[in-house]
Amino acid sequence: MRAGGGFSRVPRAPEKQGLRPMLFGPRGP
């Protein structure tokens, strides 16, 4: 999960994934 910069800084904000999918997509996997 450390690889996902988005998930690391926003672990309790699942709705942010929808607002910034570009950060959770390429940075997640």
PDB file of N, CA and C in Angstrom:
ATOM      1  N   MET A   1       0.857  -1.209   0.000  1.00  0.00           N
ATOM      2  CA  MET A   1       0.000   0.000   0.000  1.00  0.00           C
ATOM      3  C   MET A   1       0.895   1.263   0.000  1.00  0.00           C
ATOM      4  N   ARG A   2       2.148   1.106   0.380  1.00  0.00           N
ATOM      5  CA  ARG A   2       3.058   2.291   0.395  1.00  0.00           C
ATOM      6  C   ARG A   2       3.276   2.764  -1.045  1.00  0.00           C
ATOM      7  N   ALA A   3       3.203   1.828  -1.992  1.00  0.00           N
ATOM      8  CA  ALA A   3       3.451   2.211  -3.397  1.00  0.00           C
ATOM      9  C   ALA A   3       2.380   3.203  -3.861  1.00  0.00           C
ATOM     10  N   GLY A   4       1.177   3.063  -3.301  1.00  0.00           N
ATOM     11  CA  GLY A   4       0.088   3.983  -3.701  1.00  0.00           C
ATOM     12  C   GLY A   4       0.171   5.296  -2.937  1.00  0.00           C
ATOM     13  N   GLY A   5       0.769   6.287  -3.514  1.00  0.00           N
ATOM     14  CA  GLY A   5       0.889   7.590  -2.831  1.00  0.00           C
ATOM     15  C   GLY A   5      -0.485   8.129  -2.469  1.00  0.00           C
ATOM     16  N   GLY A   6      -1.468   7.906  -3.350  1.00  0.00           N
ATOM     17  CA  GLY A   6      -2.832   8.402  -3.081  1.00  0.00           C
ATOM     18  C   GLY A   6      -3.435   7.686  -1.877  1.00  0.00           C
ATOM     19  N   PHE A   7      -3.295   6.358  -1.839  1.00  0.00           N
ATOM     20  CA  PHE A   7      -3.885   5.593  -0.732  1.00  0.00           C
ATOM     21  C   PHE A   7      -3.158   5.893   0.575  1.00  0.00           C
ATOM     22  N   SER A   8      -1.880   6.185   0.463  1.00  0.00           N
ATOM     23  CA  SER A   8      -1.070   6.426   1.678  1.00  0.00           C
ATOM     24  C   SER A   8      -1.485   7.740   2.351  1.00  0.00           C
ATOM     25  N   ARG A   9      -1.713   8.764   1.543  1.00  0.00           N
ATOM     26  CA  ARG A   9      -2.056  10.068   2.126  1.00  0.00           C
ATOM     27  C   ARG A   9      -3.562  10.193   2.318  1.00  0.00           C
ATOM     28  N   VAL A  10      -4.348   9.298   1.678  1.00  0.00           N
ATOM     29  CA  VAL A  10      -5.807   9.384   1.852  1.00  0.00           C
ATOM     30  C   VAL A  10      -6.410   7.996   2.070  1.00  0.00           C
ATOM     31  N   PRO A  11      -6.050   7.351   3.203  1.00  0.00           N
ATOM     32  CA  PRO A  11      -6.543   6.002   3.492  1.00  0.00           C
ATOM     33  C   PRO A  11      -7.984   6.002   3.979  1.00  0.00           C
ATOM     34  N   ARG A  12      -8.438   7.119   4.528  1.00  0.00           N
ATOM     35  CA  ARG A  12      -9.813   7.159   5.060  1.00  0.00           C
ATOM     36  C   ARG A  12     -10.699   8.038   4.185  1.00  0.00           C
ATOM     37  N   ALA A  13     -10.317   8.222   2.916  1.00  0.00           N
ATOM     38  CA  ALA A  13     -11.144   9.038   2.007  1.00  0.00           C
ATOM     39  C   ALA A  13     -11.360   8.298   0.685  1.00  0.00           C
ATOM     40  N   PRO A  14     -12.240   7.309   0.689  1.00  0.00           N
ATOM     41  CA  PRO A  14     -12.535   6.524  -0.525  1.00  0.00           C
ATOM     42  C   PRO A  14     -13.199   7.372  -1.597  1.00  0.00           C
ATOM     43  N   GLU A  15     -13.887   8.413  -1.207  1.00  0.00           N
ATOM     44  CA  GLU A  15     -14.566   9.265  -2.208  1.00  0.00           C
ATOM     45  C   GLU A  15     -13.542  10.075  -3.005  1.00  0.00           C
ATOM     46  N   LYS A  16     -12.354  10.254  -2.446  1.00  0.00           N
ATOM     47  CA  LYS A  16     -11.322  11.031  -3.185  1.00  0.00           C
ATOM     48  C   LYS A  16     -10.881  10.244  -4.421  1.00  0.00           C
ATOM     49  N   GLN A  17     -10.984   8.917  -4.356  1.00  0.00           N
ATOM     50  CA  GLN A  17     -10.570   8.097  -5.505  1.00  0.00           C
ATOM     51  C   GLN A  17     -11.377   8.505  -6.739  1.00  0.00           C
ATOM     52  N   GLY A  18     -12.649   8.811  -6.537  1.00  0.00           N
ATOM     53  CA  GLY A  18     -13.505   9.185  -7.671  1.00  0.00           C
ATOM     54  C   GLY A  18     -13.118  10.573  -8.183  1.00  0.00           C
ATOM     55  N   LEU A  19     -12.737  11.452  -7.248  1.00  0.00           N
ATOM     56  CA  LEU A  19     -12.373  12.821  -7.656  1.00  0.00           C
ATOM     57  C   LEU A  19     -10.997  12.821  -8.329  1.00  0.00           C
ATOM     58  N   ARG A  20     -10.102  11.957  -7.878  1.00  0.00           N
ATOM     59  CA  ARG A  20      -8.738  11.930  -8.500  1.00  0.00           C
ATOM     60  C   ARG A  20      -8.351  10.500  -8.840  1.00  0.00           C
ATOM     61  N   PRO A  21      -9.010   9.898  -9.811  1.00  0.00           N
ATOM     62  CA  PRO A  21      -8.702   8.512 -10.217  1.00  0.00           C
ATOM     63  C   PRO A  21      -7.330   8.425 -10.887  1.00  0.00           C
ATOM     64  N   MET A  22      -6.889   9.523 -11.496  1.00  0.00           N
ATOM     65  CA  MET A  22      -5.584   9.538 -12.176  1.00  0.00           C
ATOM     66  C   MET A  22      -4.461   9.301 -11.155  1.00  0.00           C
ATOM     67  N   LEU A  23      -4.666   9.736  -9.919  1.00  0.00           N
ATOM     68  CA  LEU A  23      -3.620   9.567  -8.892  1.00  0.00           C
ATOM     69  C   LEU A  23      -3.686   8.162  -8.292  1.00  0.00           C
ATOM     70  N   PHE A  24      -4.896   7.621  -8.241  1.00  0.00           N
ATOM     71  CA  PHE A  24      -5.051   6.285  -7.635  1.00  0.00           C
ATOM     72  C   PHE A  24      -4.831   5.182  -8.668  1.00  0.00           C
ATOM     73  N   GLY A  25      -4.985   5.529  -9.944  1.00  0.00           N
ATOM     74  CA  GLY A  25      -4.833   4.522 -11.008  1.00  0.00           C
ATOM     75  C   GLY A  25      -3.365   4.173 -11.242  1.00  0.00           C
ATOM     76  N   PRO A  26      -2.614   5.097 -11.808  1.00  0.00           N
ATOM     77  CA  PRO A  26      -1.207   4.850 -12.137  1.00  0.00           C
ATOM     78  C   PRO A  26      -0.326   4.732 -10.894  1.00  0.00           C
ATOM     79  N   ARG A  27      -0.703   5.430  -9.823  1.00  0.00           N
ATOM     80  CA  ARG A  27       0.131   5.390  -8.603  1.00  0.00           C
ATOM     81  C   ARG A  27      -0.278   4.208  -7.714  1.00  0.00           C
ATOM     82  N   GLY A  28      -1.488   3.695  -7.864  1.00  0.00           N
ATOM     83  CA  GLY A  28      -1.931   2.576  -7.018  1.00  0.00           C
ATOM     84  C   GLY A  28      -1.210   1.288  -7.397  1.00  0.00           C
ATOM     85  N   PRO A  29      -1.557   0.711  -8.524  1.00  0.00           N
ATOM     86  CA  PRO A  29      -0.957  -0.535  -8.989  1.00  0.00           C
ATOM     87  C   PRO A  29       0.424  -0.272  -9.618  1.00  0.00           C
TER      88      PRO A  29
END
